[in-house]
Every structure is written in structure tokens, then in C-alpha cells.
């Protein structure tokens, strides 16, 4: 069993920053690929970022590349998403996700078996 809980969301002005955290319990995340996804009202859930088990490989959606950074601390069983230069279009519920092992389809929501409840990020103009 893997339980994921996101935190760190909130209301921020455009151009500001937030750091999201995803804390895991039940199992260690050391062998898991981790991802962040987001979903705005009325829109499809979309890929944001992913990181491999060692933290040495990261991938980003084009829309956030250069602004967001995903990282992990396996000793703390926690994954982070640092979000800088936030834009109103970043407004969404952000979800942490995990899958055991690796995947070449890391951008697909169907590849992840475990999900957190989500944390709201709202960016005002």
C-alpha cells in the first residue's frame, strides 16, 4: 500500500512561487517513479513533471519547463514540486502520483497506480 498526501498549495499572485510537497506512507518510494499532474475545472488532467527513482532523471511538460523543478528526498519519503514564475494558467488542482518501477509512458495518467487527494493552486492576475 502507498498513501500519498499533497500539501503546499494556496493562493499566489502571478509571478510568485510555491513549493508543493508529496509525503508518502505505507511503503518507501525509493523504487518508484513519481509524477505531478494537474487538472483545471472542466479540463483533462495533464502531465506536469516526473522523476525517476534516483532523482537523476527529470522530465517536464513544455508548458512548465524552465519554471518548475521536481525533486525527491528518498530519506524523507517525500517528493517536491518547486513552482516559480507562476501564471494564471497554472491554476489547477495538483496531484502527486506514483508507479512501481520505470515506464516509457511516464506522461500518461494510466501508468500511475497511486494518487494523492490533490492540492489547490490558484494564481491571480
N, C-alpha and C. Protein backbone atom coordinates (compact mmCIF):
# COMPACT_ATOMS: atom_id res chain seq x y z
N UNK A 1 0.84 -1.18 0.00
CA UNK A 1 0.00 0.00 0.00
C UNK A 1 0.88 1.24 0.00
N UNK A 2 0.47 2.23 -0.79
CA UNK A 2 1.14 3.52 -0.83
C UNK A 2 0.07 4.60 -0.66
N UNK A 3 0.24 5.42 0.34
CA UNK A 3 -0.64 6.56 0.55
C UNK A 3 0.14 7.84 0.30
N UNK A 4 -0.42 8.74 -0.50
CA UNK A 4 0.22 9.98 -0.87
C UNK A 4 -0.64 11.15 -0.42
N UNK A 5 0.00 12.15 0.19
CA UNK A 5 -0.71 13.34 0.66
C UNK A 5 0.04 14.56 0.18
N UNK A 6 -0.62 15.39 -0.64
CA UNK A 6 -0.03 16.63 -1.13
C UNK A 6 -0.30 17.77 -0.16
N UNK A 7 0.61 18.73 -0.15
CA UNK A 7 0.42 19.94 0.63
C UNK A 7 1.21 21.07 -0.02
N UNK A 8 0.95 22.29 0.42
CA UNK A 8 1.70 23.45 -0.06
C UNK A 8 0.96 24.32 -1.04
N UNK A 9 -0.23 23.92 -1.45
CA UNK A 9 -1.00 24.74 -2.37
C UNK A 9 -1.54 25.97 -1.69
N UNK A 10 -2.08 26.88 -2.49
CA UNK A 10 -2.64 28.11 -1.96
C UNK A 10 -2.87 29.13 -3.03
N UNK A 11 -3.10 30.36 -2.60
CA UNK A 11 -3.35 31.49 -3.50
C UNK A 11 -2.08 32.33 -3.60
N UNK A 12 -1.67 32.63 -4.82
CA UNK A 12 -0.47 33.40 -5.06
C UNK A 12 -0.68 34.32 -6.26
N UNK A 13 -0.02 35.46 -6.25
CA UNK A 13 -0.09 36.38 -7.38
C UNK A 13 0.77 35.90 -8.53
N UNK A 14 0.40 36.29 -9.74
CA UNK A 14 1.20 35.96 -10.91
C UNK A 14 2.64 36.42 -10.71
N UNK A 15 3.58 35.55 -11.09
CA UNK A 15 4.99 35.83 -10.90
C UNK A 15 5.55 35.29 -9.61
N UNK A 16 4.69 34.85 -8.71
CA UNK A 16 5.12 34.32 -7.43
C UNK A 16 5.53 32.87 -7.50
N UNK A 17 5.83 32.31 -6.32
CA UNK A 17 6.32 30.94 -6.23
C UNK A 17 5.60 30.16 -5.15
N UNK A 18 5.53 28.86 -5.34
CA UNK A 18 5.02 27.92 -4.35
C UNK A 18 5.85 26.65 -4.43
N UNK A 19 5.95 25.94 -3.31
CA UNK A 19 6.55 24.62 -3.30
C UNK A 19 5.55 23.61 -2.79
N UNK A 20 5.22 22.65 -3.62
CA UNK A 20 4.32 21.58 -3.25
C UNK A 20 5.12 20.40 -2.70
N UNK A 21 4.55 19.71 -1.73
CA UNK A 21 5.17 18.52 -1.17
C UNK A 21 4.22 17.35 -1.29
N UNK A 22 4.78 16.17 -1.45
CA UNK A 22 4.02 14.93 -1.51
C UNK A 22 4.66 13.96 -0.54
N UNK A 23 4.00 13.72 0.57
CA UNK A 23 4.51 12.82 1.60
C UNK A 23 3.88 11.45 1.45
N UNK A 24 4.71 10.42 1.50
CA UNK A 24 4.24 9.05 1.31
C UNK A 24 4.33 8.26 2.61
N UNK A 25 3.41 7.34 2.75
CA UNK A 25 3.43 6.41 3.87
C UNK A 25 3.01 5.03 3.37
N UNK A 26 3.30 4.02 4.14
CA UNK A 26 2.94 2.66 3.78
C UNK A 26 4.09 1.89 3.15
N UNK A 27 4.76 2.52 2.20
CA UNK A 27 5.91 1.93 1.52
C UNK A 27 6.94 3.01 1.22
N UNK A 28 8.18 2.59 1.11
CA UNK A 28 9.21 3.52 0.66
C UNK A 28 9.02 3.82 -0.82
N UNK A 29 9.36 5.03 -1.22
CA UNK A 29 9.25 5.46 -2.61
C UNK A 29 10.53 5.26 -3.40
N UNK A 30 11.53 4.64 -2.80
CA UNK A 30 12.85 4.58 -3.41
C UNK A 30 12.88 3.84 -4.75
N UNK A 31 11.95 2.94 -4.98
CA UNK A 31 11.90 2.19 -6.24
C UNK A 31 10.79 2.66 -7.16
N UNK A 32 10.17 3.79 -6.87
CA UNK A 32 9.02 4.28 -7.61
C UNK A 32 9.36 5.46 -8.50
N UNK A 33 8.76 5.46 -9.68
CA UNK A 33 8.72 6.66 -10.50
C UNK A 33 7.63 7.57 -9.94
N UNK A 34 7.93 8.84 -9.79
CA UNK A 34 6.98 9.80 -9.23
C UNK A 34 6.61 10.86 -10.27
N UNK A 35 5.36 11.26 -10.24
CA UNK A 35 4.89 12.27 -11.17
C UNK A 35 4.00 13.29 -10.51
N UNK A 36 3.95 14.47 -11.12
CA UNK A 36 2.98 15.50 -10.77
C UNK A 36 2.08 15.75 -11.97
N UNK A 37 0.79 15.81 -11.71
CA UNK A 37 -0.22 16.11 -12.71
C UNK A 37 -1.09 17.24 -12.19
N UNK A 38 -1.82 17.87 -13.09
CA UNK A 38 -2.74 18.93 -12.66
C UNK A 38 -4.02 18.88 -13.48
N UNK A 39 -5.09 19.39 -12.89
CA UNK A 39 -6.38 19.40 -13.56
C UNK A 39 -7.14 20.68 -13.21
N UNK A 40 -7.44 21.46 -14.22
CA UNK A 40 -8.25 22.66 -14.06
C UNK A 40 -9.71 22.30 -14.25
N UNK A 41 -10.64 23.09 -13.69
CA UNK A 41 -12.07 22.79 -13.84
C UNK A 41 -12.48 22.66 -15.29
N UNK A 42 -13.18 21.57 -15.60
CA UNK A 42 -13.66 21.35 -16.95
C UNK A 42 -12.61 20.89 -17.95
N UNK A 43 -11.39 20.68 -17.49
CA UNK A 43 -10.31 20.27 -18.39
C UNK A 43 -9.79 18.89 -18.03
N UNK A 44 -9.08 18.30 -18.96
CA UNK A 44 -8.49 16.99 -18.77
C UNK A 44 -7.26 17.08 -17.87
N UNK A 45 -7.04 16.07 -17.06
CA UNK A 45 -5.85 16.02 -16.24
C UNK A 45 -4.62 15.91 -17.14
N UNK A 46 -3.59 16.72 -16.85
CA UNK A 46 -2.43 16.76 -17.71
C UNK A 46 -1.13 16.56 -16.93
N UNK A 47 -0.15 16.03 -17.64
CA UNK A 47 1.17 15.79 -17.08
C UNK A 47 1.90 17.09 -16.82
N UNK A 48 2.60 17.15 -15.69
CA UNK A 48 3.40 18.31 -15.34
C UNK A 48 4.89 17.96 -15.27
N UNK A 49 5.24 16.94 -14.48
CA UNK A 49 6.64 16.60 -14.29
C UNK A 49 6.76 15.18 -13.77
N UNK A 50 7.94 14.57 -13.97
CA UNK A 50 8.21 13.23 -13.47
C UNK A 50 9.67 13.12 -13.07
N UNK A 51 9.96 12.17 -12.19
CA UNK A 51 11.31 11.95 -11.70
C UNK A 51 11.52 10.47 -11.45
N UNK A 52 12.71 9.97 -11.79
CA UNK A 52 12.97 8.55 -11.62
C UNK A 52 13.39 8.24 -10.19
N UNK A 53 13.68 6.97 -9.93
CA UNK A 53 13.91 6.51 -8.56
C UNK A 53 15.10 7.17 -7.88
N UNK A 54 16.15 7.46 -8.63
CA UNK A 54 17.36 8.04 -8.05
C UNK A 54 17.32 9.57 -8.01
N UNK A 55 16.39 10.17 -8.73
CA UNK A 55 16.34 11.61 -8.85
C UNK A 55 17.25 12.17 -9.92
N UNK A 56 17.96 11.29 -10.65
CA UNK A 56 18.89 11.74 -11.65
C UNK A 56 18.28 12.07 -13.00
N UNK A 57 17.04 11.66 -13.22
CA UNK A 57 16.36 11.91 -14.49
C UNK A 57 15.04 12.61 -14.20
N UNK A 58 14.84 13.75 -14.81
CA UNK A 58 13.59 14.50 -14.66
C UNK A 58 13.03 14.85 -16.03
N UNK A 59 11.71 14.97 -16.10
CA UNK A 59 11.02 15.32 -17.33
C UNK A 59 9.92 16.32 -17.02
N UNK A 60 9.68 17.23 -17.96
CA UNK A 60 8.71 18.30 -17.75
C UNK A 60 7.84 18.51 -18.97
N UNK A 61 6.60 18.91 -18.71
CA UNK A 61 5.76 19.38 -19.80
C UNK A 61 6.33 20.68 -20.34
N UNK A 62 6.15 20.90 -21.64
CA UNK A 62 6.69 22.12 -22.26
C UNK A 62 6.14 23.38 -21.60
N UNK A 63 4.92 23.32 -21.11
CA UNK A 63 4.28 24.49 -20.53
C UNK A 63 4.92 24.96 -19.23
N UNK A 64 5.67 24.08 -18.55
CA UNK A 64 6.27 24.44 -17.27
C UNK A 64 7.78 24.38 -17.29
N UNK A 65 8.37 23.94 -18.38
CA UNK A 65 9.82 23.79 -18.47
C UNK A 65 10.52 25.13 -18.24
N UNK A 66 11.52 25.10 -17.38
CA UNK A 66 12.24 26.31 -17.04
C UNK A 66 11.66 27.07 -15.87
N UNK A 67 10.44 26.74 -15.47
CA UNK A 67 9.78 27.40 -14.34
C UNK A 67 9.58 26.47 -13.14
N UNK A 68 9.31 25.20 -13.41
CA UNK A 68 9.05 24.23 -12.35
C UNK A 68 10.24 23.29 -12.21
N UNK A 69 10.46 22.80 -10.99
CA UNK A 69 11.51 21.83 -10.71
C UNK A 69 10.96 20.73 -9.82
N UNK A 70 11.08 19.48 -10.27
CA UNK A 70 10.69 18.35 -9.45
C UNK A 70 11.93 17.77 -8.79
N UNK A 71 11.79 17.35 -7.54
CA UNK A 71 12.89 16.75 -6.82
C UNK A 71 12.34 15.73 -5.82
N UNK A 72 13.23 14.93 -5.27
CA UNK A 72 12.79 13.95 -4.29
C UNK A 72 13.85 13.76 -3.22
N UNK A 73 13.39 13.41 -2.04
CA UNK A 73 14.25 13.09 -0.91
C UNK A 73 13.79 11.73 -0.41
N UNK A 74 14.46 10.69 -0.86
CA UNK A 74 14.03 9.34 -0.51
C UNK A 74 14.19 9.05 0.98
N UNK A 75 15.15 9.70 1.63
CA UNK A 75 15.31 9.52 3.07
C UNK A 75 14.09 10.01 3.83
N UNK A 76 13.43 11.04 3.29
CA UNK A 76 12.22 11.59 3.90
C UNK A 76 10.95 11.04 3.27
N UNK A 77 11.10 10.21 2.24
CA UNK A 77 9.95 9.64 1.53
C UNK A 77 9.02 10.73 1.02
N UNK A 78 9.62 11.75 0.42
CA UNK A 78 8.89 12.94 0.01
C UNK A 78 9.34 13.39 -1.37
N UNK A 79 8.38 13.87 -2.17
CA UNK A 79 8.64 14.44 -3.49
C UNK A 79 8.16 15.88 -3.48
N UNK A 80 8.88 16.75 -4.19
CA UNK A 80 8.58 18.17 -4.20
C UNK A 80 8.36 18.67 -5.62
N UNK A 81 7.60 19.76 -5.71
CA UNK A 81 7.47 20.48 -6.97
C UNK A 81 7.63 21.96 -6.66
N UNK A 82 8.79 22.51 -7.01
CA UNK A 82 9.03 23.94 -6.86
C UNK A 82 8.49 24.65 -8.09
N UNK A 83 7.59 25.59 -7.87
CA UNK A 83 6.92 26.30 -8.96
C UNK A 83 7.28 27.78 -8.87
N UNK A 84 7.98 28.27 -9.87
CA UNK A 84 8.38 29.67 -9.94
C UNK A 84 7.71 30.36 -11.12
N UNK A 85 7.71 31.68 -11.08
CA UNK A 85 7.13 32.49 -12.15
C UNK A 85 5.75 31.97 -12.53
N UNK A 86 4.91 31.82 -11.54
CA UNK A 86 3.58 31.25 -11.75
C UNK A 86 2.71 32.16 -12.61
N UNK A 87 1.90 31.53 -13.44
CA UNK A 87 0.98 32.22 -14.34
C UNK A 87 -0.45 31.84 -14.00
N UNK A 88 -1.43 32.69 -14.35
CA UNK A 88 -2.83 32.32 -14.10
C UNK A 88 -3.22 30.98 -14.71
N UNK A 89 -2.65 30.63 -15.85
CA UNK A 89 -2.97 29.35 -16.49
C UNK A 89 -2.41 28.14 -15.74
N UNK A 90 -1.60 28.38 -14.70
CA UNK A 90 -1.14 27.29 -13.84
C UNK A 90 -2.18 26.92 -12.79
N UNK A 91 -3.25 27.69 -12.68
CA UNK A 91 -4.30 27.41 -11.71
C UNK A 91 -4.92 26.05 -11.96
N UNK A 92 -4.90 25.19 -10.95
CA UNK A 92 -5.42 23.83 -11.08
C UNK A 92 -5.30 23.12 -9.74
N UNK A 93 -5.91 21.96 -9.66
CA UNK A 93 -5.63 21.04 -8.57
C UNK A 93 -4.43 20.20 -8.99
N UNK A 94 -3.42 20.16 -8.15
CA UNK A 94 -2.19 19.43 -8.45
C UNK A 94 -2.18 18.11 -7.70
N UNK A 95 -1.89 17.04 -8.43
CA UNK A 95 -1.90 15.70 -7.89
C UNK A 95 -0.51 15.07 -7.95
N UNK A 96 -0.15 14.40 -6.89
CA UNK A 96 1.05 13.57 -6.84
C UNK A 96 0.68 12.14 -7.21
N UNK A 97 1.53 11.47 -7.97
CA UNK A 97 1.25 10.11 -8.41
C UNK A 97 2.52 9.26 -8.34
N UNK A 98 2.33 7.94 -8.18
CA UNK A 98 3.45 7.02 -8.07
C UNK A 98 3.17 5.73 -8.84
N UNK A 99 4.23 5.17 -9.41
CA UNK A 99 4.16 3.85 -10.01
C UNK A 99 5.41 3.08 -9.63
N UNK A 100 5.26 1.79 -9.45
CA UNK A 100 6.40 0.96 -9.11
C UNK A 100 7.24 0.71 -10.34
N UNK A 101 8.52 0.98 -10.23
CA UNK A 101 9.41 0.79 -11.36
C UNK A 101 9.36 1.94 -12.34
N UNK A 102 9.91 1.70 -13.52
CA UNK A 102 10.01 2.73 -14.55
C UNK A 102 8.97 2.52 -15.64
N UNK A 103 8.82 3.55 -16.48
CA UNK A 103 7.89 3.49 -17.60
C UNK A 103 8.33 4.47 -18.67
N UNK A 104 8.22 4.05 -19.93
CA UNK A 104 8.49 4.96 -21.04
C UNK A 104 7.28 5.84 -21.31
N UNK A 105 6.13 5.53 -20.70
CA UNK A 105 4.91 6.30 -20.85
C UNK A 105 4.62 7.11 -19.58
N UNK A 106 5.62 7.74 -19.05
CA UNK A 106 5.54 8.44 -17.77
C UNK A 106 4.62 9.65 -17.79
N UNK A 107 4.22 10.12 -18.98
CA UNK A 107 3.30 11.26 -19.06
C UNK A 107 1.84 10.85 -19.00
N UNK A 108 1.55 9.55 -19.03
CA UNK A 108 0.18 9.06 -19.08
C UNK A 108 -0.35 8.76 -17.68
N UNK A 109 -1.54 9.25 -17.38
CA UNK A 109 -2.11 9.05 -16.06
C UNK A 109 -2.38 7.57 -15.79
N UNK A 110 -2.61 6.79 -16.83
CA UNK A 110 -2.90 5.37 -16.66
C UNK A 110 -1.69 4.57 -16.20
N UNK A 111 -0.50 5.15 -16.26
CA UNK A 111 0.71 4.47 -15.84
C UNK A 111 0.91 4.50 -14.33
N UNK A 112 0.16 5.31 -13.63
CA UNK A 112 0.36 5.51 -12.20
C UNK A 112 -0.76 4.86 -11.40
N UNK A 113 -0.38 3.99 -10.47
CA UNK A 113 -1.35 3.24 -9.69
C UNK A 113 -1.81 3.97 -8.43
N UNK A 114 -0.99 4.89 -7.92
CA UNK A 114 -1.27 5.54 -6.65
C UNK A 114 -1.35 7.05 -6.85
N UNK A 115 -2.36 7.66 -6.22
CA UNK A 115 -2.62 9.09 -6.35
C UNK A 115 -2.94 9.72 -5.01
N UNK A 116 -2.51 10.95 -4.84
CA UNK A 116 -2.92 11.73 -3.69
C UNK A 116 -4.28 12.37 -3.92
N UNK A 117 -4.76 13.09 -2.91
CA UNK A 117 -6.09 13.72 -2.99
C UNK A 117 -6.07 15.04 -3.74
N UNK A 118 -4.90 15.60 -3.97
CA UNK A 118 -4.77 16.85 -4.68
C UNK A 118 -4.68 18.06 -3.76
N UNK A 119 -4.02 19.10 -4.24
CA UNK A 119 -3.92 20.36 -3.52
C UNK A 119 -4.17 21.50 -4.50
N UNK A 120 -4.98 22.46 -4.10
CA UNK A 120 -5.39 23.55 -4.98
C UNK A 120 -4.32 24.61 -5.08
N UNK A 121 -4.00 25.00 -6.31
CA UNK A 121 -3.11 26.12 -6.59
C UNK A 121 -3.89 27.14 -7.40
N UNK A 122 -3.99 28.35 -6.89
CA UNK A 122 -4.70 29.42 -7.58
C UNK A 122 -3.75 30.59 -7.79
N UNK A 123 -3.59 31.01 -9.03
CA UNK A 123 -2.70 32.11 -9.38
C UNK A 123 -3.56 33.26 -9.89
N UNK A 124 -3.51 34.38 -9.21
CA UNK A 124 -4.31 35.55 -9.58
C UNK A 124 -3.53 36.47 -10.50
N UNK A 125 -4.27 37.21 -11.33
CA UNK A 125 -3.66 38.15 -12.27
C UNK A 125 -3.22 39.42 -11.57
